[in-house]
């Protein structure tokens, strides 16, 4: 049985409602909807050729299929759930959350009778215990691309994604092949054809390698089962998603130089040499994009603003990764959320250090930092992801956040970054308040809370009498080094117990922080964004 600990403020609220009149469900749902700012997801399509413009609707149709698959993975029967909800606001909130649980509110159920969200989502039988799973001799039970189901005798069996989603993958594969016929870039055409095959076989490594070989394409698409955050039971199973993207070549040119520093930056990590023996891939690439469609996992809960892929450790060590900065989505979050948070919670004299360039860079270096550190445990018993299991995502996201700051410090010292360090630190601090509002239900949320509590204990910031926060730059830098060392060693040691202890002790929202988050809600500052998107929005 899995027990979740709620923040004190939430527990008090739950106790209070037991003696107070219940708020009407429709009112509650509308209030929850109001926490999301709607953003029109469009881009300048004028530079695109006619063939490229014809590709986009095909890719969006394939994205819609990924959306259908993720609904099944996250909940089960989407139509049955939505048909059972009479209130339009509640139904819309269920669509945003891909189920009856509030992803930005600790996965609390908001549909009567829904009950707690299973830690394993819909990847495992609801009645399966961890003991049963771990005792099973089923080969491949921890595979990335399969469901665990009951067989006719009540035992466990494996159902591969390409079997469960046979019809859906056939349709999506056909659409990718049609898009490939329109591709003007040879690299994009090859990737689309290989990805079309991957959807039918669950063998994604060839298409991952082909995706890394693309360099000059204007249109891009990330599609398939990718991240494993939805599986909070073990962190094994991946979730379907899709982004349709248009490269901003001008901004991409500004980012090109940073990838070359990865090997040198690996050597500067604040850990003993044995934790930095792996060499970052040499084919790492940074680019900026406007995203024109989100679907599936990336569209659930907090919206992704940067991508670092592939996740395959073998591919990463062989060829590196690509980092995609989603500039238009990032700008929307900066304008609608980060700036209002800074006005409310950042010390007045440090408010000038909140800049979009710093927000963009902090996010970018977070993604780059996924390539630093270690992918395989030092004892030779497998990958970090396998060793840390359900805590792997939180530790990895925390590592990327903190090593992103480490990279900024190092590059600034080398003269490769000219902006003031305080711009990055203060914007990062405001970003913690933005991200911690995503709650404890996601890997990113846990990572944010670990960092906030660790930095507070290290004196990296202080709360003033007026309720605003001031960054202490020297202590901020020291805390960055200390937390980097801790997280890297947890990963290298494959220290499951240590990771679990860190998440339990520091991955929580304390009373003071909860009070600050309540202030932001009272000021009606959105928690996140949702999209008005599709071919109609794009004029296609």
Protein backbone atom coordinates (compact mmCIF):
# COMPACT_ATOMS: atom_id res chain seq x y z
CA UNK A 1 0.00 0.00 0.00
CA UNK A 2 1.25 3.46 -0.86
CA UNK A 3 0.68 6.25 1.67
CA UNK A 4 0.97 9.88 0.61
CA UNK A 5 1.69 12.68 3.07
CA UNK A 6 -0.20 15.90 2.44
CA UNK A 7 1.19 19.34 3.30
CA UNK A 8 -0.03 20.64 6.67
CA UNK A 9 -2.06 23.43 5.10
CA UNK A 10 -3.94 20.94 2.95
CA UNK A 11 -4.63 18.69 5.94
CA UNK A 12 -6.02 21.66 7.87
CA UNK A 13 -8.22 22.52 4.93
CA UNK A 14 -9.53 18.97 4.68
CA UNK A 15 -10.36 18.95 8.38
CA UNK A 16 -12.09 22.30 8.04
CA UNK A 17 -14.35 21.19 5.22
CA UNK A 18 -15.62 18.31 7.32
CA UNK A 19 -17.38 20.81 9.59
CA UNK A 20 -18.13 23.57 7.06
CA UNK A 21 -20.65 23.61 4.20
CA UNK A 22 -19.14 22.04 1.10
CA UNK A 23 -18.40 24.33 -1.82
CA UNK A 24 -20.52 23.43 -4.86
CA UNK A 25 -18.57 21.21 -7.25
CA UNK A 26 -19.19 23.56 -10.17
CA UNK A 27 -17.77 26.50 -8.20
CA UNK A 28 -14.69 24.48 -7.23
CA UNK A 29 -14.07 23.39 -10.81
CA UNK A 30 -14.37 26.92 -12.15
CA UNK A 31 -11.93 28.15 -9.52
CA UNK A 32 -9.50 25.42 -10.56
CA UNK A 33 -9.92 26.32 -14.22
CA UNK A 34 -9.14 29.94 -13.41
CA UNK A 35 -5.68 28.84 -12.26
CA UNK A 36 -4.77 28.24 -15.92
CA UNK A 37 -4.09 31.07 -18.37
CA UNK A 38 -5.13 30.27 -21.94
CA UNK A 39 -2.44 30.84 -24.56
CA UNK A 40 -3.00 30.89 -28.31
CA UNK A 41 -0.38 28.53 -29.69
CA UNK A 42 0.55 29.92 -33.08
CA UNK A 43 3.68 30.85 -35.01
CA UNK A 44 4.79 32.69 -38.13
CA UNK A 45 4.23 30.23 -40.96
CA UNK A 46 5.21 32.66 -43.73
CA UNK A 47 8.72 31.22 -44.16
CA UNK A 48 7.35 27.71 -44.70
CA UNK A 49 7.03 26.17 -48.15
CA UNK A 50 3.75 24.75 -49.39
CA UNK A 51 4.99 21.21 -48.78
CA UNK A 52 5.91 22.09 -45.20
CA UNK A 53 2.52 23.67 -44.63
CA UNK A 54 0.89 20.45 -45.86
CA UNK A 55 2.99 18.38 -43.45
CA UNK A 56 1.75 20.12 -40.32
CA UNK A 57 -1.89 18.89 -40.38
CA UNK A 58 -0.63 15.31 -40.86
CA UNK A 59 1.66 15.62 -37.86
CA UNK A 60 -1.14 17.12 -35.77
CA UNK A 61 -3.40 14.19 -36.66
CA UNK A 62 -0.67 11.82 -35.48
CA UNK A 63 -0.37 13.88 -32.28
CA UNK A 64 -4.09 13.44 -31.59
CA UNK A 65 -3.55 9.66 -31.68
CA UNK A 66 -0.79 9.99 -29.05
CA UNK A 67 -3.31 11.93 -26.96
CA UNK A 68 -5.72 8.98 -27.13
CA UNK A 69 -2.99 6.57 -26.02
CA UNK A 70 -1.93 8.73 -23.09
CA UNK A 71 -5.50 8.94 -21.83
CA UNK A 72 -5.52 5.15 -21.62
CA UNK A 73 -2.13 5.09 -19.86
CA UNK A 74 -3.05 7.79 -17.36
CA UNK A 75 -6.64 6.77 -16.62
CA UNK A 76 -8.35 4.24 -18.85
CA UNK A 77 -11.62 4.88 -20.69
CA UNK A 78 -11.72 8.61 -21.48
CA UNK A 79 -15.20 8.65 -23.01
CA UNK A 80 -16.74 6.84 -20.05
CA UNK A 81 -15.25 9.35 -17.60
CA UNK A 82 -16.18 12.47 -19.54
CA UNK A 83 -19.72 11.22 -20.22
CA UNK A 84 -20.22 10.72 -16.47
CA UNK A 85 -19.44 14.38 -15.65
CA UNK A 86 -22.42 16.72 -16.01
CA UNK A 87 -20.82 20.03 -15.03
CA UNK A 88 -19.02 21.61 -18.04
CA UNK A 89 -16.29 23.20 -15.92
CA UNK A 90 -15.51 19.91 -14.18
CA UNK A 91 -15.50 18.10 -17.51
CA UNK A 92 -13.07 20.67 -18.95
CA UNK A 93 -10.84 20.31 -15.89
CA UNK A 94 -10.82 16.53 -16.38
CA UNK A 95 -9.72 17.05 -19.99
CA UNK A 96 -6.85 19.29 -18.87
CA UNK A 97 -5.75 16.71 -16.29
CA UNK A 98 -6.30 13.61 -18.43
CA UNK A 99 -8.37 12.12 -15.66
CA UNK A 100 -10.23 12.97 -12.43
CA UNK A 101 -7.12 13.95 -10.44
CA UNK A 102 -5.72 17.47 -10.12
CA UNK A 103 -2.13 17.15 -11.33
CA UNK A 104 -1.12 20.55 -9.98
CA UNK A 105 -2.86 19.86 -6.67
CA UNK A 106 -1.09 16.73 -5.46
CA UNK A 107 -3.29 14.50 -7.66
CA UNK A 108 -6.27 15.08 -5.41
CA UNK A 109 -9.49 13.67 -6.93
CA UNK A 110 -12.04 16.29 -8.02
CA UNK A 111 -14.69 13.95 -9.45
CA UNK A 112 -16.90 12.25 -6.83
CA UNK A 113 -16.08 8.58 -6.43
CA UNK A 114 -12.76 8.77 -8.28
CA UNK A 115 -10.68 7.78 -5.27
CA UNK A 116 -6.90 8.19 -5.06
CA UNK A 117 -4.88 8.01 -8.26
CA UNK A 118 -3.01 4.68 -8.54
CA UNK A 119 0.74 5.21 -8.28
CA UNK A 120 1.17 3.03 -11.35
CA UNK A 121 -1.54 4.90 -13.29
CA UNK A 122 -3.04 2.38 -15.76
CA UNK A 123 0.19 0.56 -16.50
CA UNK A 124 -0.39 -2.19 -13.94
CA UNK A 125 -3.44 -4.07 -12.60
CA UNK A 126 -5.15 -1.99 -9.91
CA UNK A 127 -5.03 -4.91 -7.48
CA UNK A 128 -1.34 -5.69 -8.05
CA UNK A 129 0.97 -5.19 -5.07
CA UNK A 130 4.65 -4.32 -5.22
CA UNK A 131 5.39 -7.63 -3.53
CA UNK A 132 3.59 -9.53 -6.29
CA UNK A 133 5.41 -7.63 -9.02
CA UNK A 134 8.84 -8.02 -7.45
CA UNK A 135 8.31 -11.73 -6.79
CA UNK A 136 7.30 -12.34 -10.40
CA UNK A 137 9.84 -14.05 -12.69
CA UNK A 138 8.18 -12.51 -15.75
CA UNK A 139 10.97 -11.61 -18.16
CA UNK A 140 10.86 -8.02 -19.35
CA UNK A 141 8.38 -6.88 -16.70
CA UNK A 142 10.36 -3.65 -16.25
CA UNK A 143 10.33 -2.87 -19.97
CA UNK A 144 9.73 0.69 -21.11
CA UNK A 145 7.13 -0.15 -23.74
CA UNK A 146 4.64 -2.55 -22.20
CA UNK A 147 1.68 -2.86 -19.84
CA UNK A 148 1.39 -5.42 -17.06
CA UNK A 149 -1.99 -7.19 -17.13
CA UNK A 150 -3.70 -10.25 -15.67
CA UNK A 151 -3.76 -13.46 -17.67
CA UNK A 152 -6.70 -15.88 -17.68
CA UNK A 153 -5.40 -17.60 -14.54
CA UNK A 154 -5.00 -14.34 -12.65
CA UNK A 155 -1.23 -14.18 -13.00
CA UNK A 156 0.76 -11.32 -14.48
CA UNK A 157 1.50 -11.01 -18.19
CA UNK A 158 3.13 -8.44 -20.49
CA UNK A 159 1.22 -6.62 -23.23
CA UNK A 160 3.54 -4.62 -25.52
CA UNK A 161 2.44 -1.14 -26.54
CA UNK A 162 2.40 -2.03 -30.22
CA UNK A 163 -0.07 -4.82 -29.39
CA UNK A 164 -2.30 -2.82 -27.03
CA UNK A 165 -2.34 0.12 -29.45
CA UNK A 166 -2.17 -1.86 -32.70
CA UNK A 167 -4.88 0.14 -34.47
CA UNK A 168 -3.66 3.50 -33.17
CA UNK A 169 -0.04 2.81 -34.15
CA UNK A 170 -1.05 1.70 -37.63
CA UNK A 171 -2.87 5.00 -38.16
CA UNK A 172 -0.05 7.09 -36.71
CA UNK A 173 2.59 5.23 -38.72
CA UNK A 174 0.68 5.85 -41.93
CA UNK A 175 0.45 9.58 -41.16
CA UNK A 176 4.20 9.83 -40.51
CA UNK A 177 4.91 8.12 -43.81
CA UNK A 178 2.62 10.57 -45.60
CA UNK A 179 4.48 13.43 -43.90
CA UNK A 180 7.80 11.88 -44.96
CA UNK A 181 6.66 12.01 -48.60
CA UNK A 182 6.36 15.80 -48.22
CA UNK A 183 9.65 16.31 -46.37
CA UNK A 184 12.18 18.44 -48.23
CA UNK A 185 14.98 17.69 -45.75
CA UNK A 186 16.53 14.26 -46.23
CA UNK A 187 17.28 13.86 -42.51
CA UNK A 188 13.69 14.62 -41.55
CA UNK A 189 12.38 12.20 -44.19
CA UNK A 190 14.61 9.40 -42.87
CA UNK A 191 13.62 10.08 -39.27
CA UNK A 192 9.89 10.09 -40.04
CA UNK A 193 10.12 6.77 -41.90
CA UNK A 194 12.11 5.13 -39.10
CA UNK A 195 9.80 6.54 -36.45
CA UNK A 196 6.82 5.19 -38.38
CA UNK A 197 8.43 1.75 -38.14
CA UNK A 198 9.27 2.22 -34.44
CA UNK A 199 5.62 2.78 -33.56
CA UNK A 200 4.84 -0.67 -34.99
CA UNK A 201 7.68 -2.54 -33.26
CA UNK A 202 8.50 -0.67 -30.01
CA UNK A 203 12.14 -0.54 -31.16
CA UNK A 204 12.91 3.16 -30.89
CA UNK A 205 16.72 3.23 -30.95
CA UNK A 206 17.13 3.46 -34.77
CA UNK A 207 14.74 6.40 -35.01
CA UNK A 208 16.33 8.05 -31.95
CA UNK A 209 19.70 7.92 -33.70
CA UNK A 210 18.17 9.29 -36.91
CA UNK A 211 16.59 12.14 -34.94
CA UNK A 212 20.03 13.12 -33.64
CA UNK A 213 21.35 13.15 -37.20
CA UNK A 214 18.93 15.90 -38.27
CA UNK A 215 20.46 19.37 -38.32
CA UNK A 216 18.92 21.54 -41.04
CA UNK A 217 15.21 20.73 -40.78
CA UNK A 218 12.74 23.54 -40.13
CA UNK A 219 9.80 21.29 -39.16
CA UNK A 220 10.32 18.83 -36.32
CA UNK A 221 8.17 16.37 -34.41
CA UNK A 222 8.78 14.48 -31.18
CA UNK A 223 6.37 11.55 -31.05
CA UNK A 224 5.91 8.25 -29.27
CA UNK A 225 6.25 6.80 -25.74
CA UNK A 226 9.02 8.85 -24.16
CA UNK A 227 8.98 10.02 -20.52
CA UNK A 228 8.40 7.75 -17.52
CA UNK A 229 7.04 10.28 -14.99
CA UNK A 230 3.48 8.96 -15.18
CA UNK A 231 4.58 5.63 -13.68
CA UNK A 232 5.11 6.69 -10.07
CA UNK A 233 5.07 3.10 -8.85
CA UNK A 234 8.41 2.14 -10.42
CA UNK A 235 9.23 4.74 -13.04
CA UNK A 236 9.60 2.03 -15.69
CA UNK A 237 6.76 2.64 -18.12
CA UNK A 238 6.87 5.42 -20.69
CA UNK A 239 3.98 7.62 -21.79
CA UNK A 240 2.86 8.65 -25.27
CA UNK A 241 3.16 12.28 -26.28
CA UNK A 242 3.82 14.54 -29.24
CA UNK A 243 5.19 18.01 -29.97
CA UNK A 244 4.94 19.59 -33.42
CA UNK A 245 7.64 22.24 -33.80
CA UNK A 246 9.04 24.95 -36.06
CA UNK A 247 12.70 25.85 -35.64
CA UNK A 248 13.64 29.47 -34.93
CA UNK A 249 16.94 29.52 -36.81
CA UNK A 250 17.96 32.98 -35.60
CA UNK A 251 17.66 32.05 -31.91
CA UNK A 252 19.17 28.63 -32.58
CA UNK A 253 22.28 30.31 -33.93
CA UNK A 254 22.74 32.08 -30.59
CA UNK A 255 22.78 28.75 -28.74
CA UNK A 256 25.04 26.73 -31.01
CA UNK A 257 28.30 27.45 -29.19
CA UNK A 258 27.36 26.04 -25.78
CA UNK A 259 27.32 22.33 -26.64
CA UNK A 260 31.08 22.28 -27.24
CA UNK A 261 31.73 23.01 -23.55
CA UNK A 262 30.08 19.83 -22.20
CA UNK A 263 33.23 17.65 -21.94
CA UNK A 264 35.14 20.43 -20.16
CA UNK A 265 32.21 21.16 -17.85
CA UNK A 266 31.95 17.47 -16.93
CA UNK A 267 35.48 17.75 -15.52
CA UNK A 268 34.45 20.66 -13.24
CA UNK A 269 31.65 18.81 -11.44
CA UNK A 270 32.04 19.09 -7.63
CA UNK A 271 32.39 15.35 -6.97
CA UNK A 272 35.25 12.83 -6.84
CA UNK A 273 36.61 11.79 -10.22
CA UNK A 274 34.90 8.40 -10.21
CA UNK A 275 31.51 10.15 -10.53
CA UNK A 276 32.50 11.99 -13.71
CA UNK A 277 34.29 9.34 -15.77
CA UNK A 278 31.52 9.07 -18.36
CA UNK A 279 32.01 11.32 -21.35
CA UNK A 280 29.07 13.42 -22.62
CA UNK A 281 28.14 12.62 -26.21
CA UNK A 282 29.86 14.74 -28.83
CA UNK A 283 26.78 15.29 -31.00
CA UNK A 284 24.83 17.33 -28.46
CA UNK A 285 22.87 20.15 -30.09
CA UNK A 286 20.91 23.18 -28.86
CA UNK A 287 18.08 24.78 -30.81
CA UNK A 288 15.14 27.11 -30.22
CA UNK A 289 11.66 26.32 -31.51
CA UNK A 290 8.13 27.60 -31.59
CA UNK A 291 5.87 24.74 -30.57
CA UNK A 292 2.56 24.61 -32.42
CA UNK A 293 0.95 21.52 -30.91
CA UNK A 294 1.15 19.59 -27.64
CA UNK A 295 -0.44 16.18 -27.08
CA UNK A 296 -0.41 13.49 -24.43
CA UNK A 297 2.03 13.42 -21.53
CA UNK A 298 3.67 16.79 -22.29
CA UNK A 299 0.22 18.43 -22.32
CA UNK A 300 -0.81 17.06 -18.90
CA UNK A 301 -0.29 19.14 -15.79
CA UNK A 302 2.58 21.62 -16.01
CA UNK A 303 3.38 22.30 -19.66
CA UNK A 304 6.86 21.48 -20.89
CA UNK A 305 8.96 24.45 -22.05
CA UNK A 306 12.15 22.58 -23.00
CA UNK A 307 13.03 19.10 -24.23
CA UNK A 308 16.16 16.99 -23.76
CA UNK A 309 16.07 13.72 -25.71
CA UNK A 310 16.55 10.86 -26.37
CA UNK A 311 16.34 9.27 -22.92
CA UNK A 312 18.07 6.07 -24.04
CA UNK A 313 21.34 5.97 -22.05
CA UNK A 314 23.13 4.02 -24.80
CA UNK A 315 22.19 6.63 -27.38
CA UNK A 316 23.20 9.47 -25.05
CA UNK A 317 26.67 8.04 -24.45
CA UNK A 318 27.14 7.24 -28.12
CA UNK A 319 25.85 10.41 -29.76
CA UNK A 320 24.61 12.80 -27.09
CA UNK A 321 21.21 14.45 -27.09
CA UNK A 322 19.31 17.33 -28.63
CA UNK A 323 18.00 20.15 -26.48
CA UNK A 324 14.95 21.98 -27.77
CA UNK A 325 13.96 25.25 -26.14
CA UNK A 326 10.27 26.01 -26.72
CA UNK A 327 10.58 29.76 -26.98
CA UNK A 328 6.96 30.82 -27.47
CA UNK A 329 5.71 28.64 -24.59
CA UNK A 330 8.55 29.90 -22.42
CA UNK A 331 7.71 33.52 -23.20
CA UNK A 332 4.06 32.90 -22.30
CA UNK A 333 4.98 31.49 -18.88
CA UNK A 334 7.42 34.33 -18.25
CA UNK A 335 4.87 37.04 -19.08
CA UNK A 336 1.77 35.54 -17.52
CA UNK A 337 3.26 33.83 -14.45
CA UNK A 338 6.89 34.60 -13.58
CA UNK A 339 6.70 38.39 -13.75
CA UNK A 340 3.59 38.61 -11.52
CA UNK A 341 5.20 36.19 -9.03
CA UNK A 342 8.34 38.34 -8.94
CA UNK A 343 6.27 41.46 -8.24
CA UNK A 344 4.68 39.70 -5.27
CA UNK A 345 7.58 37.74 -3.74
CA UNK A 346 10.97 39.11 -4.85
CA UNK A 347 12.68 41.96 -2.96
CA UNK A 348 12.05 45.27 -4.69
CA UNK A 349 15.71 46.13 -5.27
CA UNK A 350 16.37 42.70 -6.82
CA UNK A 351 13.30 42.83 -9.03
CA UNK A 352 15.39 44.34 -11.88
CA UNK A 353 17.31 41.08 -12.13
CA UNK A 354 14.23 39.22 -13.42
CA UNK A 355 14.81 38.95 -17.20
CA UNK A 356 13.52 36.74 -19.98
CA UNK A 357 17.06 36.04 -21.19
CA UNK A 358 17.96 34.69 -17.73
CA UNK A 359 14.75 32.61 -17.60
CA UNK A 360 15.49 31.25 -21.07
CA UNK A 361 19.11 30.48 -20.14
CA UNK A 362 18.23 28.81 -16.83
CA UNK A 363 15.79 26.57 -18.66
CA UNK A 364 18.24 25.89 -21.48
CA UNK A 365 21.12 24.96 -19.20
CA UNK A 366 18.78 22.72 -17.21
CA UNK A 367 18.28 20.68 -20.36
CA UNK A 368 21.98 20.74 -21.25
CA UNK A 369 22.83 19.57 -17.73
CA UNK A 370 20.90 16.34 -18.23
CA UNK A 371 23.95 15.32 -20.30
CA UNK A 372 26.35 15.82 -17.39
CA UNK A 373 27.03 13.48 -14.51
CA UNK A 374 26.56 9.75 -14.68
CA UNK A 375 24.08 7.43 -16.41
CA UNK A 376 25.26 4.08 -15.04
CA UNK A 377 25.86 3.23 -11.39
CA UNK A 378 29.44 2.82 -10.25
CA UNK A 379 28.89 -0.76 -9.06
CA UNK A 380 28.13 -1.90 -12.61
CA UNK A 381 24.66 -3.12 -11.73
CA UNK A 382 22.73 -1.10 -14.28
CA UNK A 383 21.54 2.41 -14.98
CA UNK A 384 20.79 5.13 -12.48
CA UNK A 385 17.19 5.05 -13.66
CA UNK A 386 16.91 1.36 -12.79
CA UNK A 387 18.61 1.78 -9.41
CA UNK A 388 16.57 4.75 -8.15
CA UNK A 389 13.28 3.46 -9.59
CA UNK A 390 10.34 5.78 -8.77
CA UNK A 391 12.70 8.42 -7.36
CA UNK A 392 14.90 8.53 -10.46
CA UNK A 393 12.86 11.28 -12.13
CA UNK A 394 12.89 13.64 -9.13
CA UNK A 395 16.63 13.20 -8.55
CA UNK A 396 17.44 13.63 -12.25
CA UNK A 397 15.31 16.76 -12.61
CA UNK A 398 16.86 18.18 -9.45
CA UNK A 399 20.33 17.38 -10.78
CA UNK A 400 19.60 19.11 -14.08
CA UNK A 401 18.28 22.23 -12.35
CA UNK A 402 21.26 22.57 -10.07
CA UNK A 403 23.93 21.62 -12.62
CA UNK A 404 22.40 24.18 -14.96
CA UNK A 405 23.37 26.81 -12.39
CA UNK A 406 26.80 25.19 -12.05
CA UNK A 407 27.28 25.53 -15.81
CA UNK A 408 26.26 29.18 -15.72
CA UNK A 409 28.80 29.85 -12.96
CA UNK A 410 31.55 28.10 -14.91
CA UNK A 411 30.76 29.73 -18.26
CA UNK A 412 30.48 33.16 -16.64
CA UNK A 413 33.94 32.69 -15.11
CA UNK A 414 35.27 31.81 -18.58
CA UNK A 415 33.74 34.95 -20.08
CA UNK A 416 31.31 32.97 -22.26
CA UNK A 417 28.27 34.53 -20.53
CA UNK A 418 28.15 38.29 -20.11
CA UNK A 419 24.93 38.90 -18.17
CA UNK A 420 25.09 39.54 -14.43
CA UNK A 421 25.15 36.38 -12.32
CA UNK A 422 22.48 37.95 -10.12
CA UNK A 423 20.14 37.94 -13.14
CA UNK A 424 20.37 34.16 -13.24
CA UNK A 425 20.18 33.69 -9.47
CA UNK A 426 17.21 35.97 -8.81
CA UNK A 427 15.31 34.74 -11.87
CA UNK A 428 16.04 31.17 -10.72
CA UNK A 429 14.64 32.02 -7.28
CA UNK A 430 11.43 33.38 -8.79
CA UNK A 431 11.33 30.28 -10.97
CA UNK A 432 11.32 28.05 -7.88
CA UNK A 433 8.13 29.76 -6.68
CA UNK A 434 6.63 29.28 -10.14
CA UNK A 435 7.53 25.62 -10.39
CA UNK A 436 6.84 24.57 -6.81
CA UNK A 437 3.18 25.41 -7.40
CA UNK A 438 3.02 22.28 -9.56
CA UNK A 439 2.83 20.34 -6.28
CA UNK A 440 4.33 17.07 -5.15
CA UNK A 441 2.70 14.77 -7.70
CA UNK A 442 5.38 15.15 -10.38
CA UNK A 443 9.12 14.55 -10.54
CA UNK A 444 9.65 18.23 -11.31
CA UNK A 445 7.53 19.24 -8.32
CA UNK A 446 9.51 17.06 -5.92
CA UNK A 447 12.78 18.39 -7.34
CA UNK A 448 11.64 21.99 -6.87
CA UNK A 449 10.69 21.45 -3.24
CA UNK A 450 13.95 19.64 -2.46
CA UNK A 451 15.86 22.58 -3.88
CA UNK A 452 13.77 25.21 -2.07
CA UNK A 453 14.18 23.50 1.30
CA UNK A 454 17.88 22.79 0.78
CA UNK A 455 18.62 26.37 -0.30
CA UNK A 456 16.65 27.77 2.61
CA UNK A 457 18.66 25.69 5.09
CA UNK A 458 21.91 26.83 3.44
CA UNK A 459 20.94 30.51 3.70
CA UNK A 460 20.89 30.96 -0.09
CA UNK A 461 17.93 33.30 0.37
CA UNK A 462 16.13 35.04 3.21
CA UNK A 463 12.59 36.17 3.80
CA UNK A 464 12.27 39.85 4.65
CA UNK A 465 9.84 41.41 7.11
CA UNK A 466 7.70 42.58 4.17
CA UNK A 467 7.22 38.96 3.06
CA UNK A 468 9.52 39.24 0.05
CA UNK A 469 12.61 37.16 -0.62
CA UNK A 470 16.18 38.32 -1.14
CA UNK A 471 18.89 36.15 -2.73
CA UNK A 472 22.27 35.98 -0.98
CA UNK A 473 24.59 35.45 -4.00
CA UNK A 474 27.62 33.93 -2.24
CA UNK A 475 25.56 31.44 -0.22
CA UNK A 476 23.46 30.75 -3.30
CA UNK A 477 26.62 29.73 -5.15
CA UNK A 478 27.79 27.57 -2.24
CA UNK A 479 24.39 25.84 -1.97
CA UNK A 480 24.53 25.11 -5.71
CA UNK A 481 27.84 23.30 -5.24
CA UNK A 482 26.67 21.34 -2.17
CA UNK A 483 23.40 20.15 -3.69
CA UNK A 484 25.13 19.25 -6.97
CA UNK A 485 27.53 17.01 -5.08
CA UNK A 486 24.75 15.33 -3.09
CA UNK A 487 22.56 14.51 -6.09
CA UNK A 488 25.42 13.31 -8.29
CA UNK A 489 26.64 10.92 -5.60
CA UNK A 490 23.14 9.55 -4.97
CA UNK A 491 22.97 8.75 -8.67
CA UNK A 492 26.45 7.29 -9.00
CA UNK A 493 25.98 5.12 -5.92
CA UNK A 494 22.55 4.00 -7.06
CA UNK A 495 21.50 4.89 -3.52
CA UNK A 496 17.78 4.14 -3.51
CA UNK A 497 17.45 4.50 0.27
CA UNK A 498 19.27 7.84 0.24
CA UNK A 499 17.13 9.16 -2.61
CA UNK A 500 13.94 8.06 -0.86
CA UNK A 501 15.07 9.76 2.36
CA UNK A 502 15.84 13.03 0.54
CA UNK A 503 12.47 13.04 -1.22
CA UNK A 504 10.60 12.25 2.00
CA UNK A 505 12.39 14.86 4.12
CA UNK A 506 12.79 17.73 1.65
CA UNK A 507 10.29 17.04 -1.13
CA UNK A 508 7.48 18.61 0.91
CA UNK A 509 5.81 22.01 1.17
CA UNK A 510 6.25 23.59 4.60
CA UNK A 511 3.83 25.97 6.30
CA UNK A 512 5.66 29.16 5.30
CA UNK A 513 6.00 28.17 1.67
CA UNK A 514 2.34 27.11 1.57
CA UNK A 515 1.43 30.56 2.87
CA UNK A 516 3.40 32.15 0.02
CA UNK A 517 1.66 29.95 -2.53
CA UNK A 518 -1.68 30.92 -1.03
CA UNK A 519 -0.71 34.57 -1.52
CA UNK A 520 -0.09 33.94 -5.19
CA UNK A 521 -3.49 32.27 -5.54
CA UNK A 522 -5.19 35.15 -3.73
CA UNK A 523 -3.61 37.51 -6.26
CA UNK A 524 -5.11 35.28 -9.00
CA UNK A 525 -1.72 34.60 -10.56
CA UNK A 526 -2.11 31.57 -12.86
CA UNK A 527 -0.42 28.33 -11.88
CA UNK A 528 0.15 27.25 -15.45
CA UNK A 529 -1.04 27.64 -19.02
CA UNK A 530 -3.36 25.72 -21.33
CA UNK A 531 -3.45 25.99 -25.09
CA UNK A 532 -5.82 27.08 -27.78
CA UNK A 533 -4.17 25.04 -30.55
CA UNK A 534 -4.73 23.19 -33.79
CA UNK A 535 -4.99 23.66 -37.53
CA UNK A 536 -7.69 26.32 -37.17
CA UNK A 537 -5.50 28.42 -34.85
CA UNK A 538 -2.65 28.10 -37.36
CA UNK A 539 -4.86 29.09 -40.28
CA UNK A 540 -4.34 25.73 -41.98
